[in-house]
Amino acid sequence: MEHDRILLQLIEEVLKKMGTPASNIELQEEEGNYRVNIESDEANLLIGFHGETIRALEHAIRLIFWKKAENPEKNVIIDIQNYRKRQEESVIEMAIRKAEFVKKMGKPQTLPPMSPYFRRVVHMHLNEKFSDLETVSVGEGDRRQITIKVKGA
């Protein structure tokens, strides 16, 4: 597990240089991703306003890791004290409620704008759970959102 070691060392090094050491770093492999959850006394600083810092941290770590590990096949997802995991669960719950409404009423529903990451999570989850519905991304840039509708409608 050479890539695991490289990734953990990189994260520890970046956090140390930021002055925000981790009290615990948990790495899991799932669905072609390395999912890293970082526990820290500086969690709010690492998450940032609406998760801006966590996204920037993830981007920087991902780029450095891909270079150091010579293009590993797994993506890196960084989480701080399960902040993103809780967000994912909340977004999925909302999407399921909307999908059940679409299924019951037959009327398309549009979710609020969300990041590409969360749109992907919703697409994957709903397409797996509701074979009679389809999800379509609509809009541009930061206003891009998902519409859920009955297949073929």
N, C-alpha and C. Protein backbone atom coordinates (compact mmCIF):
# COMPACT_ATOMS: atom_id res chain seq x y z
N MET A 1 0.82 -1.20 0.00
CA MET A 1 0.00 0.00 0.00
C MET A 1 0.87 1.27 0.00
N GLU A 2 1.72 1.34 -0.96
CA GLU A 2 2.63 2.48 -1.10
C GLU A 2 1.87 3.80 -1.22
N HIS A 3 0.79 3.81 -2.02
CA HIS A 3 0.02 5.05 -2.22
C HIS A 3 -0.60 5.53 -0.92
N ASP A 4 -1.08 4.61 -0.08
CA ASP A 4 -1.65 4.98 1.22
C ASP A 4 -0.64 5.76 2.04
N ARG A 5 0.56 5.22 2.11
CA ARG A 5 1.63 5.84 2.91
C ARG A 5 1.99 7.22 2.37
N ILE A 6 2.11 7.33 1.05
CA ILE A 6 2.43 8.62 0.42
C ILE A 6 1.36 9.65 0.74
N LEU A 7 0.10 9.25 0.62
CA LEU A 7 -1.01 10.17 0.86
C LEU A 7 -1.05 10.62 2.32
N LEU A 8 -0.91 9.70 3.25
CA LEU A 8 -0.94 10.06 4.67
C LEU A 8 0.21 10.98 5.04
N GLN A 9 1.41 10.70 4.55
CA GLN A 9 2.56 11.57 4.82
C GLN A 9 2.34 12.96 4.25
N LEU A 10 1.80 13.02 3.04
CA LEU A 10 1.54 14.30 2.39
C LEU A 10 0.55 15.13 3.21
N ILE A 11 -0.52 14.51 3.64
CA ILE A 11 -1.54 15.23 4.43
C ILE A 11 -0.95 15.75 5.73
N GLU A 12 -0.21 14.89 6.42
CA GLU A 12 0.42 15.32 7.67
C GLU A 12 1.36 16.51 7.44
N GLU A 13 2.12 16.45 6.36
CA GLU A 13 3.07 17.51 6.02
C GLU A 13 2.35 18.83 5.71
N VAL A 14 1.28 18.76 4.92
CA VAL A 14 0.53 19.97 4.56
C VAL A 14 -0.12 20.58 5.80
N LEU A 15 -0.73 19.75 6.63
CA LEU A 15 -1.39 20.27 7.83
C LEU A 15 -0.38 20.90 8.79
N LYS A 16 0.79 20.27 8.91
CA LYS A 16 1.84 20.81 9.77
C LYS A 16 2.28 22.19 9.28
N LYS A 17 2.46 22.31 7.96
CA LYS A 17 2.89 23.60 7.39
C LYS A 17 1.80 24.67 7.54
N MET A 18 0.54 24.24 7.58
CA MET A 18 -0.57 25.17 7.79
C MET A 18 -0.71 25.57 9.26
N GLY A 19 -0.02 24.85 10.14
CA GLY A 19 -0.14 25.11 11.57
C GLY A 19 -1.42 24.54 12.15
N THR A 20 -1.97 23.52 11.49
CA THR A 20 -3.22 22.90 11.94
C THR A 20 -3.06 21.38 11.98
N PRO A 21 -2.24 20.88 12.90
CA PRO A 21 -1.99 19.44 12.93
C PRO A 21 -3.26 18.65 13.23
N ALA A 22 -3.29 17.44 12.71
CA ALA A 22 -4.44 16.55 12.91
C ALA A 22 -4.25 15.75 14.18
N SER A 23 -5.35 15.50 14.88
CA SER A 23 -5.29 14.59 16.03
C SER A 23 -5.48 13.15 15.56
N ASN A 24 -6.11 12.99 14.39
CA ASN A 24 -6.30 11.66 13.81
C ASN A 24 -6.59 11.81 12.32
N ILE A 25 -6.02 10.91 11.52
CA ILE A 25 -6.30 10.86 10.08
C ILE A 25 -6.74 9.44 9.75
N GLU A 26 -7.94 9.32 9.23
CA GLU A 26 -8.48 8.01 8.88
C GLU A 26 -8.61 7.93 7.37
N LEU A 27 -8.01 6.91 6.78
CA LEU A 27 -8.04 6.72 5.33
C LEU A 27 -8.82 5.44 5.00
N GLN A 28 -9.79 5.57 4.10
CA GLN A 28 -10.55 4.41 3.64
C GLN A 28 -10.54 4.41 2.12
N GLU A 29 -10.54 3.20 1.54
CA GLU A 29 -10.67 3.06 0.10
C GLU A 29 -12.09 2.65 -0.19
N GLU A 30 -12.76 3.41 -1.07
CA GLU A 30 -14.13 3.07 -1.44
C GLU A 30 -14.44 3.57 -2.83
N GLU A 31 -15.07 2.73 -3.63
CA GLU A 31 -15.53 3.08 -4.98
C GLU A 31 -14.48 3.83 -5.79
N GLY A 32 -13.28 3.33 -5.81
CA GLY A 32 -12.22 3.95 -6.60
C GLY A 32 -11.69 5.25 -6.03
N ASN A 33 -11.97 5.52 -4.77
CA ASN A 33 -11.52 6.75 -4.12
C ASN A 33 -10.76 6.44 -2.84
N TYR A 34 -9.86 7.36 -2.50
CA TYR A 34 -9.33 7.41 -1.14
C TYR A 34 -10.17 8.44 -0.43
N ARG A 35 -10.88 8.05 0.59
CA ARG A 35 -11.67 8.98 1.40
C ARG A 35 -10.91 9.18 2.71
N VAL A 36 -10.49 10.42 2.95
CA VAL A 36 -9.68 10.74 4.11
C VAL A 36 -10.48 11.65 5.04
N ASN A 37 -10.65 11.22 6.28
CA ASN A 37 -11.31 12.06 7.28
C ASN A 37 -10.26 12.51 8.28
N ILE A 38 -10.17 13.83 8.45
CA ILE A 38 -9.17 14.42 9.32
C ILE A 38 -9.87 14.97 10.57
N GLU A 39 -9.39 14.57 11.73
CA GLU A 39 -9.87 15.10 13.01
C GLU A 39 -8.84 16.13 13.45
N SER A 40 -9.31 17.31 13.85
CA SER A 40 -8.38 18.37 14.25
C SER A 40 -9.07 19.33 15.20
N ASP A 41 -8.27 19.93 16.09
CA ASP A 41 -8.79 20.98 16.97
C ASP A 41 -9.08 22.25 16.17
N GLU A 42 -8.54 22.32 14.96
CA GLU A 42 -8.73 23.48 14.08
C GLU A 42 -9.72 23.17 12.96
N ALA A 43 -10.72 22.36 13.22
CA ALA A 43 -11.66 21.91 12.19
C ALA A 43 -12.33 23.07 11.47
N ASN A 44 -12.80 24.07 12.21
CA ASN A 44 -13.48 25.21 11.56
C ASN A 44 -12.57 25.93 10.58
N LEU A 45 -11.31 26.07 10.94
CA LEU A 45 -10.34 26.71 10.04
C LEU A 45 -10.13 25.87 8.79
N LEU A 46 -10.04 24.55 8.96
CA LEU A 46 -9.81 23.66 7.82
C LEU A 46 -11.03 23.53 6.91
N ILE A 47 -12.22 23.67 7.46
CA ILE A 47 -13.44 23.60 6.66
C ILE A 47 -13.65 24.91 5.92
N GLY A 48 -13.53 26.02 6.62
CA GLY A 48 -13.70 27.33 6.00
C GLY A 48 -15.17 27.67 5.78
N PHE A 49 -15.41 28.86 5.23
CA PHE A 49 -16.76 29.35 4.97
C PHE A 49 -17.42 28.50 3.90
N HIS A 50 -18.51 27.85 4.25
CA HIS A 50 -19.25 26.96 3.34
C HIS A 50 -18.36 25.92 2.67
N GLY A 51 -17.33 25.48 3.37
CA GLY A 51 -16.47 24.41 2.85
C GLY A 51 -15.45 24.85 1.82
N GLU A 52 -15.22 26.16 1.70
CA GLU A 52 -14.28 26.65 0.68
C GLU A 52 -12.86 26.17 0.95
N THR A 53 -12.44 26.19 2.20
CA THR A 53 -11.07 25.79 2.52
C THR A 53 -10.88 24.30 2.31
N ILE A 54 -11.86 23.51 2.69
CA ILE A 54 -11.74 22.05 2.52
C ILE A 54 -11.61 21.70 1.03
N ARG A 55 -12.35 22.41 0.16
CA ARG A 55 -12.26 22.15 -1.28
C ARG A 55 -10.89 22.54 -1.81
N ALA A 56 -10.36 23.68 -1.35
CA ALA A 56 -9.03 24.12 -1.79
C ALA A 56 -7.95 23.16 -1.28
N LEU A 57 -8.08 22.74 -0.03
CA LEU A 57 -7.14 21.79 0.55
C LEU A 57 -7.16 20.47 -0.22
N GLU A 58 -8.36 19.99 -0.53
CA GLU A 58 -8.50 18.75 -1.29
C GLU A 58 -7.85 18.88 -2.67
N HIS A 59 -8.09 19.99 -3.33
CA HIS A 59 -7.52 20.21 -4.67
C HIS A 59 -5.99 20.19 -4.61
N ALA A 60 -5.42 20.92 -3.65
CA ALA A 60 -3.97 20.98 -3.54
C ALA A 60 -3.38 19.61 -3.22
N ILE A 61 -3.98 18.92 -2.27
CA ILE A 61 -3.48 17.59 -1.88
C ILE A 61 -3.60 16.62 -3.05
N ARG A 62 -4.71 16.69 -3.76
CA ARG A 62 -4.92 15.79 -4.91
C ARG A 62 -3.83 16.00 -5.96
N LEU A 63 -3.55 17.27 -6.30
CA LEU A 63 -2.53 17.55 -7.32
C LEU A 63 -1.14 17.07 -6.91
N ILE A 64 -0.77 17.35 -5.66
CA ILE A 64 0.55 16.93 -5.18
C ILE A 64 0.62 15.41 -5.11
N PHE A 65 -0.44 14.78 -4.63
CA PHE A 65 -0.47 13.32 -4.50
C PHE A 65 -0.34 12.65 -5.86
N TRP A 66 -1.08 13.14 -6.86
CA TRP A 66 -1.02 12.53 -8.19
C TRP A 66 0.39 12.61 -8.75
N LYS A 67 1.07 13.72 -8.45
CA LYS A 67 2.45 13.86 -8.95
C LYS A 67 3.41 12.95 -8.17
N LYS A 68 3.30 12.94 -6.84
CA LYS A 68 4.19 12.12 -6.01
C LYS A 68 3.96 10.63 -6.21
N ALA A 69 2.70 10.24 -6.37
CA ALA A 69 2.37 8.81 -6.49
C ALA A 69 2.40 8.36 -7.95
N GLU A 70 2.82 9.25 -8.84
CA GLU A 70 2.91 8.95 -10.28
C GLU A 70 1.57 8.47 -10.85
N ASN A 71 0.60 9.36 -10.80
CA ASN A 71 -0.73 9.14 -11.38
C ASN A 71 -1.45 7.90 -10.84
N PRO A 72 -1.78 7.89 -9.56
CA PRO A 72 -2.54 6.75 -9.02
C PRO A 72 -3.92 6.71 -9.65
N GLU A 73 -4.53 5.56 -9.63
CA GLU A 73 -5.83 5.39 -10.27
C GLU A 73 -6.99 5.84 -9.39
N LYS A 74 -6.72 6.15 -8.14
CA LYS A 74 -7.79 6.54 -7.22
C LYS A 74 -7.82 8.06 -7.03
N ASN A 75 -9.02 8.58 -6.87
CA ASN A 75 -9.23 9.99 -6.58
C ASN A 75 -9.09 10.19 -5.06
N VAL A 76 -8.88 11.42 -4.62
CA VAL A 76 -8.75 11.73 -3.20
C VAL A 76 -9.90 12.64 -2.79
N ILE A 77 -10.62 12.22 -1.76
CA ILE A 77 -11.70 13.03 -1.18
C ILE A 77 -11.31 13.34 0.25
N ILE A 78 -11.21 14.62 0.56
CA ILE A 78 -10.81 15.04 1.90
C ILE A 78 -12.06 15.48 2.67
N ASP A 79 -12.15 15.03 3.90
CA ASP A 79 -13.24 15.42 4.79
C ASP A 79 -12.63 15.86 6.11
N ILE A 80 -13.30 16.78 6.77
CA ILE A 80 -12.84 17.24 8.08
C ILE A 80 -13.95 16.94 9.08
N GLN A 81 -13.65 16.07 10.03
CA GLN A 81 -14.61 15.67 11.07
C GLN A 81 -15.97 15.32 10.50
N ASN A 82 -15.95 14.60 9.38
CA ASN A 82 -17.14 14.10 8.68
C ASN A 82 -18.10 15.21 8.22
N TYR A 83 -17.57 16.41 8.03
CA TYR A 83 -18.38 17.54 7.55
C TYR A 83 -19.03 17.20 6.20
N ARG A 84 -18.23 16.73 5.25
CA ARG A 84 -18.76 16.41 3.92
C ARG A 84 -19.71 15.21 3.96
N LYS A 85 -19.37 14.23 4.78
CA LYS A 85 -20.23 13.05 4.89
C LYS A 85 -21.62 13.46 5.36
N ARG A 86 -21.68 14.33 6.36
CA ARG A 86 -22.99 14.82 6.85
C ARG A 86 -23.71 15.61 5.76
N GLN A 87 -22.96 16.41 5.00
CA GLN A 87 -23.57 17.15 3.89
C GLN A 87 -24.12 16.19 2.84
N GLU A 88 -23.34 15.18 2.49
CA GLU A 88 -23.77 14.18 1.51
C GLU A 88 -25.08 13.52 1.96
N GLU A 89 -25.12 13.11 3.22
CA GLU A 89 -26.32 12.46 3.74
C GLU A 89 -27.53 13.38 3.65
N SER A 90 -27.33 14.65 3.97
CA SER A 90 -28.42 15.63 3.91
C SER A 90 -28.91 15.83 2.47
N VAL A 91 -27.97 15.97 1.54
CA VAL A 91 -28.31 16.16 0.12
C VAL A 91 -29.04 14.93 -0.42
N ILE A 92 -28.56 13.74 -0.06
CA ILE A 92 -29.19 12.50 -0.52
C ILE A 92 -30.60 12.38 0.04
N GLU A 93 -30.79 12.71 1.32
CA GLU A 93 -32.13 12.66 1.92
C GLU A 93 -33.09 13.58 1.17
N MET A 94 -32.64 14.81 0.87
CA MET A 94 -33.47 15.76 0.14
C MET A 94 -33.80 15.22 -1.25
N ALA A 95 -32.80 14.67 -1.93
CA ALA A 95 -33.00 14.14 -3.28
C ALA A 95 -33.98 12.97 -3.27
N ILE A 96 -33.90 12.12 -2.27
CA ILE A 96 -34.82 10.99 -2.16
C ILE A 96 -36.26 11.48 -1.95
N ARG A 97 -36.43 12.48 -1.08
CA ARG A 97 -37.78 13.05 -0.87
C ARG A 97 -38.35 13.59 -2.18
N LYS A 98 -37.52 14.31 -2.92
CA LYS A 98 -37.96 14.87 -4.21
C LYS A 98 -38.26 13.75 -5.21
N ALA A 99 -37.42 12.71 -5.23
CA ALA A 99 -37.63 11.59 -6.16
C ALA A 99 -38.93 10.86 -5.83
N GLU A 100 -39.21 10.67 -4.55
CA GLU A 100 -40.45 10.01 -4.16
C GLU A 100 -41.66 10.84 -4.56
N PHE A 101 -41.54 12.17 -4.48
CA PHE A 101 -42.62 13.06 -4.93
C PHE A 101 -42.83 12.91 -6.43
N VAL A 102 -41.74 12.89 -7.19
CA VAL A 102 -41.82 12.72 -8.65
C VAL A 102 -42.49 11.39 -8.97
N LYS A 103 -42.11 10.35 -8.28
CA LYS A 103 -42.67 9.03 -8.51
C LYS A 103 -44.18 9.02 -8.22
N LYS A 104 -44.56 9.69 -7.16
CA LYS A 104 -45.97 9.71 -6.73
C LYS A 104 -46.83 10.62 -7.61
N MET A 105 -46.32 11.81 -7.91
CA MET A 105 -47.11 12.83 -8.61
C MET A 105 -46.82 12.90 -10.11
N GLY A 106 -45.69 12.38 -10.54
CA GLY A 106 -45.33 12.41 -11.95
C GLY A 106 -44.85 13.77 -12.44
N LYS A 107 -44.64 14.70 -11.52
CA LYS A 107 -44.19 16.05 -11.89
C LYS A 107 -42.69 16.20 -11.61
N PRO A 108 -41.93 16.71 -12.58
CA PRO A 108 -40.48 16.91 -12.38
C PRO A 108 -40.21 17.83 -11.20
N GLN A 109 -39.11 17.58 -10.53
CA GLN A 109 -38.66 18.42 -9.41
C GLN A 109 -37.22 18.81 -9.65
N THR A 110 -36.89 20.05 -9.31
CA THR A 110 -35.53 20.53 -9.48
C THR A 110 -34.91 20.81 -8.12
N LEU A 111 -33.72 20.30 -7.91
CA LEU A 111 -33.00 20.50 -6.66
C LEU A 111 -32.28 21.85 -6.70
N PRO A 112 -31.93 22.38 -5.55
CA PRO A 112 -31.17 23.64 -5.52
C PRO A 112 -29.81 23.48 -6.20
N PRO A 113 -29.20 24.57 -6.63
CA PRO A 113 -27.86 24.49 -7.23
C PRO A 113 -26.88 23.83 -6.25
N MET A 114 -25.97 23.04 -6.80
CA MET A 114 -24.96 22.39 -5.96
C MET A 114 -23.69 22.17 -6.76
N SER A 115 -22.64 21.85 -6.03
CA SER A 115 -21.32 21.65 -6.65
C SER A 115 -21.33 20.40 -7.54
N PRO A 116 -20.37 20.31 -8.45
CA PRO A 116 -20.27 19.12 -9.29
C PRO A 116 -20.17 17.83 -8.46
N TYR A 117 -19.45 17.90 -7.35
CA TYR A 117 -19.28 16.73 -6.49
C TYR A 117 -20.65 16.24 -5.98
N PHE A 118 -21.46 17.15 -5.44
CA PHE A 118 -22.75 16.75 -4.89
C PHE A 118 -23.74 16.36 -5.99
N ARG A 119 -23.64 17.00 -7.15
CA ARG A 119 -24.51 16.58 -8.27
C ARG A 119 -24.18 15.14 -8.66
N ARG A 120 -22.90 14.81 -8.70
CA ARG A 120 -22.48 13.44 -9.04
C ARG A 120 -23.01 12.45 -8.00
N VAL A 121 -22.91 12.80 -6.72
CA VAL A 121 -23.42 11.93 -5.65
C VAL A 121 -24.91 11.69 -5.83
N VAL A 122 -25.67 12.75 -6.14
CA VAL A 122 -27.12 12.62 -6.32
C VAL A 122 -27.43 11.77 -7.55
N HIS A 123 -26.79 12.06 -8.67
CA HIS A 123 -27.02 11.27 -9.89
C HIS A 123 -26.79 9.79 -9.61
N MET A 124 -25.65 9.46 -9.02
CA MET A 124 -25.31 8.07 -8.77
C MET A 124 -26.32 7.41 -7.84
N HIS A 125 -26.68 8.08 -6.77
CA HIS A 125 -27.58 7.50 -5.78
C HIS A 125 -28.99 7.30 -6.34
N LEU A 126 -29.53 8.32 -6.99
CA LEU A 126 -30.90 8.21 -7.51
C LEU A 126 -31.00 7.24 -8.68
N ASN A 127 -29.99 7.24 -9.56
CA ASN A 127 -30.03 6.32 -10.69
C ASN A 127 -29.95 4.87 -10.24
N GLU A 128 -29.28 4.64 -9.12
CA GLU A 128 -29.18 3.28 -8.57
C GLU A 128 -30.48 2.88 -7.86
N LYS A 129 -31.08 3.82 -7.16
CA LYS A 129 -32.24 3.51 -6.32
C LYS A 129 -33.58 3.59 -7.05
N PHE A 130 -33.69 4.46 -8.06
CA PHE A 130 -34.96 4.68 -8.76
C PHE A 130 -34.78 4.42 -10.25
N SER A 131 -34.99 3.19 -10.69
CA SER A 131 -34.76 2.84 -12.09
C SER A 131 -35.81 3.45 -13.02
N ASP A 132 -36.95 3.87 -12.48
CA ASP A 132 -38.01 4.45 -13.29
C ASP A 132 -37.91 5.97 -13.41
N LEU A 133 -36.90 6.56 -12.77
CA LEU A 133 -36.69 8.01 -12.84
C LEU A 133 -35.35 8.29 -13.50
N GLU A 134 -35.22 9.53 -13.98
CA GLU A 134 -33.93 9.96 -14.53
C GLU A 134 -33.55 11.31 -13.94
N THR A 135 -32.26 11.56 -13.89
CA THR A 135 -31.75 12.83 -13.38
C THR A 135 -30.99 13.53 -14.49
N VAL A 136 -31.19 14.84 -14.59
CA VAL A 136 -30.55 15.62 -15.64
C VAL A 136 -30.00 16.89 -15.02
N SER A 137 -28.74 17.21 -15.31
CA SER A 137 -28.17 18.48 -14.85
C SER A 137 -28.58 19.58 -15.81
N VAL A 138 -29.02 20.70 -15.24
CA VAL A 138 -29.46 21.84 -16.04
C VAL A 138 -28.83 23.11 -15.47
N GLY A 139 -28.71 24.13 -16.32
CA GLY A 139 -28.17 25.41 -15.87
C GLY A 139 -26.69 25.54 -16.19
N GLU A 140 -26.14 26.65 -15.75
CA GLU A 140 -24.75 26.98 -16.05
C GLU A 140 -23.98 27.32 -14.78
N GLY A 141 -22.71 27.00 -14.76
CA GLY A 141 -21.80 27.41 -13.69
C GLY A 141 -22.28 27.09 -12.29
N ASP A 142 -22.22 28.10 -11.42
CA ASP A 142 -22.60 27.93 -10.02
C ASP A 142 -24.10 27.69 -9.84
N ARG A 143 -24.88 27.96 -10.86
CA ARG A 143 -26.34 27.79 -10.78
C ARG A 143 -26.78 26.43 -11.32
N ARG A 144 -25.84 25.55 -11.63
CA ARG A 144 -26.17 24.24 -12.19
C ARG A 144 -26.88 23.39 -11.14
N GLN A 145 -27.96 22.75 -11.54
CA GLN A 145 -28.77 21.96 -10.63
C GLN A 145 -29.29 20.70 -11.29
N ILE A 146 -29.93 19.85 -10.54
CA ILE A 146 -30.44 18.59 -11.05
C ILE A 146 -31.95 18.62 -11.10
N THR A 147 -32.50 18.16 -12.24
CA THR A 147 -33.94 17.96 -12.36
C THR A 147 -34.18 16.46 -12.35
N ILE A 148 -35.16 16.06 -11.54
CA ILE A 148 -35.55 14.65 -11.43
C ILE A 148 -36.88 14.52 -12.14
N LYS A 149 -36.99 13.53 -13.04
CA LYS A 149 -38.26 13.33 -13.76
C LYS A 149 -38.46 11.85 -14.07
N VAL A 150 -39.70 11.53 -14.42
CA VAL A 150 -40.04 10.16 -14.81
C VAL A 150 -39.34 9.87 -16.14
N LYS A 151 -38.74 8.68 -16.28
CA LYS A 151 -38.06 8.33 -17.52
C LYS A 151 -39.02 8.41 -18.69
N GLY A 152 -38.54 9.01 -19.77
CA GLY A 152 -39.34 9.11 -21.00
C GLY A 152 -40.35 10.23 -20.98
N ALA A 153 -40.46 10.97 -19.87
CA ALA A 153 -41.45 12.06 -19.80
C ALA A 153 -40.89 13.36 -20.32
